[in-house]
């Protein structure tokens, strides 16, 4: 990926743990590496296809001057998120924020925080088999799209399927969506649980009826196993009600463990 670099932008602002830092302020030095695709801009000499480093420099300056945080870690996180959301064509950003003459009672030049943050692609399974199923699913899509740091890019058609897991209950309405997100997998899981709770989801019986069910199927190409989160979803390749919607929105997306596309997995399951 191509890079546009802004080095050692000096900004006078008010960030720090001590009250006098918030009142009197001090100089901070910011460097930013902006990851984007400059090919089209370079071939056509068109700035709208790239990133205007002057505008970004002013954006960084105004953000840091208009906010006050105790930690430069917080400055970096908040600024990275704002840049990724507000700057067109920006796919990833590396920020270094230096704080000269930090008040630690020892002679030093600067302290600094450096982070890299980027957009991620997640695929989410959506399902409901209680009440107004379609309304619950449409509400979930809307909630995710309105979530700061998320953008819904594709949504499958909704399909009616038989219950899974052997519990006697009403049939399901299922689908899947493609989500662009700035959240980590664990943070995204927490947001999905919040949306489920808002829809009245109760976790009483495993594979039992639910107003809303939201599952992370894939997140970039990572493989993750924690106590409460498994990516890719452990049984997605065995579930037609997952693969059919996935084929609609991402037929050539490969399962990071099985190395097969959604179309291939669905074909094998049908066989």
Protein backbone atom coordinates (compact mmCIF):
# COMPACT_ATOMS: atom_id res chain seq x y z
CA UNK A 1 0.00 0.00 0.00
CA UNK A 2 1.28 3.50 -0.84
CA UNK A 3 2.15 6.04 1.85
CA UNK A 4 1.85 9.79 2.29
CA UNK A 5 3.92 11.08 5.19
CA UNK A 6 3.54 14.12 7.42
CA UNK A 7 6.58 14.51 9.66
CA UNK A 8 7.02 16.54 12.88
CA UNK A 9 3.93 18.74 12.72
CA UNK A 10 4.21 21.12 15.71
CA UNK A 11 0.99 21.84 17.61
CA UNK A 12 0.48 23.81 20.81
CA UNK A 13 -2.34 22.23 22.80
CA UNK A 14 -3.52 21.14 26.26
CA UNK A 15 -3.09 17.43 27.00
CA UNK A 16 -1.70 15.92 30.18
CA UNK A 17 -2.41 14.33 33.55
CA UNK A 18 -1.55 17.44 35.57
CA UNK A 19 -4.00 20.39 35.77
CA UNK A 20 -1.31 22.88 34.79
CA UNK A 21 -0.75 20.98 31.54
CA UNK A 22 -4.43 21.37 30.71
CA UNK A 23 -4.35 25.05 31.62
CA UNK A 24 -1.01 26.28 30.32
CA UNK A 25 -0.54 23.83 27.47
CA UNK A 26 2.63 22.85 25.65
CA UNK A 27 4.04 21.88 22.28
CA UNK A 28 3.35 18.42 20.82
CA UNK A 29 4.97 16.98 17.71
CA UNK A 30 2.88 14.75 15.43
CA UNK A 31 3.98 12.52 12.56
CA UNK A 32 1.46 10.66 10.43
CA UNK A 33 1.82 8.01 7.74
CA UNK A 34 -1.31 7.82 5.60
CA UNK A 35 -1.82 4.54 3.76
CA UNK A 36 -3.76 4.78 0.52
CA UNK A 37 -3.62 3.89 -3.16
CA UNK A 38 -1.95 6.74 -5.07
CA UNK A 39 -1.87 5.01 -8.48
CA UNK A 40 -4.95 6.67 -10.00
CA UNK A 41 -4.02 10.08 -8.60
CA UNK A 42 -0.48 9.77 -9.94
CA UNK A 43 -1.53 8.57 -13.38
CA UNK A 44 -4.16 11.30 -13.81
CA UNK A 45 -2.60 14.12 -11.75
CA UNK A 46 -5.87 14.26 -9.78
CA UNK A 47 -5.72 15.23 -6.10
CA UNK A 48 -9.30 14.04 -5.47
CA UNK A 49 -8.09 10.46 -5.99
CA UNK A 50 -5.43 10.82 -3.30
CA UNK A 51 -5.23 12.45 0.15
CA UNK A 52 -4.59 16.18 0.61
CA UNK A 53 -1.78 16.28 3.17
CA UNK A 54 -2.39 19.99 3.79
CA UNK A 55 -6.01 19.38 4.73
CA UNK A 56 -4.98 16.46 6.93
CA UNK A 57 -2.37 18.60 8.70
CA UNK A 58 -5.02 21.20 9.50
CA UNK A 59 -7.43 18.47 10.61
CA UNK A 60 -4.85 17.06 13.04
CA UNK A 61 -4.05 20.51 14.39
CA UNK A 62 -7.70 21.46 14.95
CA UNK A 63 -8.52 18.12 16.57
CA UNK A 64 -5.66 18.34 19.04
CA UNK A 65 -6.39 21.98 19.87
CA UNK A 66 -10.14 21.49 20.28
CA UNK A 67 -9.90 18.51 22.65
CA UNK A 68 -8.21 17.88 25.97
CA UNK A 69 -7.14 14.43 27.13
CA UNK A 70 -5.03 13.22 30.03
CA UNK A 71 -3.10 10.59 28.10
CA UNK A 72 -1.30 10.88 24.78
CA UNK A 73 -2.43 7.27 24.24
CA UNK A 74 -6.00 8.62 24.21
CA UNK A 75 -5.01 11.46 21.87
CA UNK A 76 -3.55 8.92 19.46
CA UNK A 77 -6.56 6.55 19.57
CA UNK A 78 -9.18 9.27 19.15
CA UNK A 79 -7.24 11.06 16.42
CA UNK A 80 -6.63 7.85 14.46
CA UNK A 81 -10.33 6.99 14.54
CA UNK A 82 -11.36 10.48 13.44
CA UNK A 83 -8.88 10.44 10.57
CA UNK A 84 -10.02 7.04 9.31
CA UNK A 85 -13.68 8.05 9.45
CA UNK A 86 -13.36 11.56 8.03
CA UNK A 87 -10.55 11.34 5.44
CA UNK A 88 -11.63 9.87 2.13
CA UNK A 89 -9.41 7.15 0.62
CA UNK A 90 -7.57 6.56 3.92
CA UNK A 91 -7.25 2.83 4.60
CA UNK A 92 -4.72 2.80 7.44
CA UNK A 93 -2.82 5.32 9.53
CA UNK A 94 0.33 5.28 11.64
CA UNK A 95 0.57 8.07 14.21
CA UNK A 96 3.47 9.11 16.40
CA UNK A 97 2.72 11.75 19.02
CA UNK A 98 5.71 13.19 20.83
CA UNK A 99 5.53 15.16 24.05
CA UNK A 100 8.72 17.17 24.60
CA UNK A 101 9.91 17.90 28.12
CA UNK A 102 7.34 15.63 29.79
CA UNK A 103 7.08 16.46 33.53
CA UNK A 104 8.73 13.36 35.00
CA UNK A 105 11.36 15.12 37.11
CA UNK A 106 14.22 13.81 34.97
CA UNK A 107 16.13 15.22 32.01
CA UNK A 108 14.67 13.84 28.76
CA UNK A 109 14.05 15.00 25.22
CA UNK A 110 10.60 13.56 24.47
CA UNK A 111 8.21 10.78 25.33
CA UNK A 112 6.09 9.40 22.51
CA UNK A 113 3.28 7.02 21.59
CA UNK A 114 3.16 5.34 18.19
CA UNK A 115 0.15 3.35 16.95
CA UNK A 116 -1.14 1.84 13.72
CA UNK A 117 -4.87 1.62 13.10
CA UNK A 118 -6.86 0.59 10.04
CA UNK A 119 -10.23 -0.39 8.66
CA UNK A 120 -11.14 -4.07 8.95
CA UNK A 121 -13.70 -6.20 7.14
CA UNK A 122 -16.01 -8.44 9.14
CA UNK A 123 -18.82 -10.72 8.00
CA UNK A 124 -21.75 -11.01 10.40
CA UNK A 125 -24.50 -13.65 10.42
CA UNK A 126 -27.92 -12.29 11.39
CA UNK A 127 -30.91 -14.34 12.47
CA UNK A 128 -34.26 -14.19 14.27
CA UNK A 129 -37.12 -16.59 15.01
CA UNK A 130 -39.32 -14.64 17.42
CA UNK A 131 -41.85 -11.86 16.91
CA UNK A 132 -41.43 -9.57 13.90
CA UNK A 133 -38.31 -11.30 12.58
CA UNK A 134 -37.79 -9.06 9.58
CA UNK A 135 -38.07 -5.94 11.72
CA UNK A 136 -35.50 -7.24 14.21
CA UNK A 137 -33.03 -7.99 11.42
CA UNK A 138 -33.57 -4.68 9.65
CA UNK A 139 -33.11 -2.92 12.98
CA UNK A 140 -29.83 -4.74 13.57
CA UNK A 141 -28.49 -3.71 10.16
CA UNK A 142 -29.49 -0.10 10.84
CA UNK A 143 -27.91 -0.13 14.31
CA UNK A 144 -24.61 -1.46 12.94
CA UNK A 145 -24.56 1.06 10.11
CA UNK A 146 -25.19 3.91 12.53
CA UNK A 147 -22.52 2.71 14.97
CA UNK A 148 -19.61 5.16 15.00
CA UNK A 149 -16.65 3.31 13.52
CA UNK A 150 -18.77 0.92 11.43
CA UNK A 151 -20.18 0.96 7.90
CA UNK A 152 -22.45 -1.75 6.49
CA UNK A 153 -21.31 -2.36 2.90
CA UNK A 154 -23.46 -5.30 1.75
CA UNK A 155 -26.52 -7.15 3.05
CA UNK A 156 -27.81 -10.47 1.73
CA UNK A 157 -31.41 -11.36 1.10
CA UNK A 158 -33.20 -12.88 4.08
CA UNK A 159 -33.94 -16.60 3.84
CA UNK A 160 -36.29 -18.81 5.85
CA UNK A 161 -34.64 -21.85 7.42
CA UNK A 162 -35.46 -24.69 9.79
CA UNK A 163 -34.24 -24.42 13.42
CA UNK A 164 -30.71 -25.62 14.16
CA UNK A 165 -29.64 -27.61 17.21
CA UNK A 166 -32.58 -29.89 17.92
CA UNK A 167 -34.67 -27.49 20.02
CA UNK A 168 -38.35 -27.36 19.01
CA UNK A 169 -39.11 -23.79 17.94
CA UNK A 170 -40.32 -21.56 15.11
CA UNK A 171 -38.41 -21.36 11.82
CA UNK A 172 -35.66 -18.76 11.42
CA UNK A 173 -35.15 -15.79 9.17
CA UNK A 174 -31.42 -15.61 8.37
CA UNK A 175 -28.99 -13.45 6.44
CA UNK A 176 -25.47 -12.07 6.45
CA UNK A 177 -23.79 -8.71 6.02
CA UNK A 178 -20.38 -7.29 5.19
CA UNK A 179 -19.16 -4.73 7.72
CA UNK A 180 -16.32 -2.23 7.52
CA UNK A 181 -15.20 -1.58 11.10
CA UNK A 182 -12.57 0.07 13.29
CA UNK A 183 -13.37 -2.16 16.27
CA UNK A 184 -11.21 -5.08 17.37
CA UNK A 185 -12.93 -8.50 17.26
CA UNK A 186 -13.62 -8.43 21.01
CA UNK A 187 -14.94 -4.86 20.87
CA UNK A 188 -17.15 -5.78 17.93
CA UNK A 189 -18.51 -8.80 19.82
CA UNK A 190 -19.46 -6.53 22.72
CA UNK A 191 -21.26 -4.15 20.35
CA UNK A 192 -23.18 -7.06 18.81
CA UNK A 193 -24.25 -8.22 22.27
CA UNK A 194 -25.46 -4.69 23.07
CA UNK A 195 -27.59 -4.64 19.91
CA UNK A 196 -29.00 -8.08 20.76
CA UNK A 197 -29.93 -6.90 24.25
CA UNK A 198 -31.68 -3.84 22.83
CA UNK A 199 -33.78 -6.26 20.77
CA UNK A 200 -34.73 -8.23 23.89
CA UNK A 201 -32.36 -11.15 23.32
CA UNK A 202 -32.24 -13.60 26.26
CA UNK A 203 -29.57 -16.32 26.46
CA UNK A 204 -31.54 -19.06 28.22
CA UNK A 205 -31.35 -22.19 26.04
CA UNK A 206 -28.42 -22.98 23.74
CA UNK A 207 -29.66 -22.92 20.15
CA UNK A 208 -33.03 -21.86 21.54
CA UNK A 209 -35.41 -19.21 20.20
CA UNK A 210 -34.14 -15.63 20.07
CA UNK A 211 -35.36 -12.25 18.89
CA UNK A 212 -31.97 -11.50 17.41
CA UNK A 213 -28.78 -13.49 16.85
CA UNK A 214 -25.60 -11.77 15.62
CA UNK A 215 -22.44 -13.82 15.06
CA UNK A 216 -19.01 -12.84 13.75
CA UNK A 217 -18.27 -15.26 10.93
CA UNK A 218 -15.02 -13.79 9.59
CA UNK A 219 -12.80 -10.85 10.50
CA UNK A 220 -10.21 -10.02 7.84
CA UNK A 221 -8.30 -13.31 7.54
CA UNK A 222 -7.51 -13.76 11.22
CA UNK A 223 -7.76 -16.99 13.17
CA UNK A 224 -8.78 -16.38 16.78
CA UNK A 225 -9.76 -18.70 19.61
CA UNK A 226 -10.69 -17.23 22.98
CA UNK A 227 -13.08 -18.35 25.69
CA UNK A 228 -16.01 -16.49 24.16
CA UNK A 229 -15.01 -15.85 20.55
CA UNK A 230 -13.90 -18.11 17.72
CA UNK A 231 -13.00 -16.70 14.29
CA UNK A 232 -13.72 -18.06 11.78
CA UNK A 233 -17.00 -19.20 13.27
CA UNK A 234 -16.45 -22.87 14.13
CA UNK A 235 -19.48 -24.33 12.31
CA UNK A 236 -20.05 -21.84 9.51
CA UNK A 237 -18.93 -24.32 6.83
CA UNK A 238 -21.57 -26.80 8.07
CA UNK A 239 -24.52 -24.41 8.00
CA UNK A 240 -26.40 -23.83 4.78
CA UNK A 241 -28.27 -20.90 6.35
CA UNK A 242 -24.86 -19.19 6.78
CA UNK A 243 -23.26 -20.17 3.48
CA UNK A 244 -26.22 -19.27 1.25
CA UNK A 245 -26.27 -15.59 2.38
CA UNK A 246 -22.45 -15.48 2.32
CA UNK A 247 -22.42 -16.68 -1.30
CA UNK A 248 -24.73 -13.79 -2.15
CA UNK A 249 -22.44 -11.10 -0.72
CA UNK A 250 -18.94 -12.68 -0.90
CA UNK A 251 -18.88 -15.75 -3.14
CA UNK A 252 -15.10 -15.69 -3.59
CA UNK A 253 -14.15 -14.89 -0.01
CA UNK A 254 -11.91 -17.70 1.27
CA UNK A 255 -12.21 -19.40 4.62
CA UNK A 256 -8.84 -18.65 6.29
CA UNK A 257 -8.46 -22.20 7.65
CA UNK A 258 -10.10 -24.34 4.97
CA UNK A 259 -8.72 -22.17 2.11
CA UNK A 260 -11.94 -22.60 0.14
CA UNK A 261 -14.35 -19.98 -1.15
CA UNK A 262 -17.88 -19.59 0.15
CA UNK A 263 -19.12 -20.99 -3.17
CA UNK A 264 -16.92 -24.06 -2.81
CA UNK A 265 -18.00 -24.68 0.78
CA UNK A 266 -21.67 -24.39 -0.13
CA UNK A 267 -21.19 -26.76 -3.05
CA UNK A 268 -19.53 -29.32 -0.81
CA UNK A 269 -22.29 -29.03 1.79
CA UNK A 270 -24.96 -29.52 -0.85
CA UNK A 271 -23.13 -32.59 -2.13
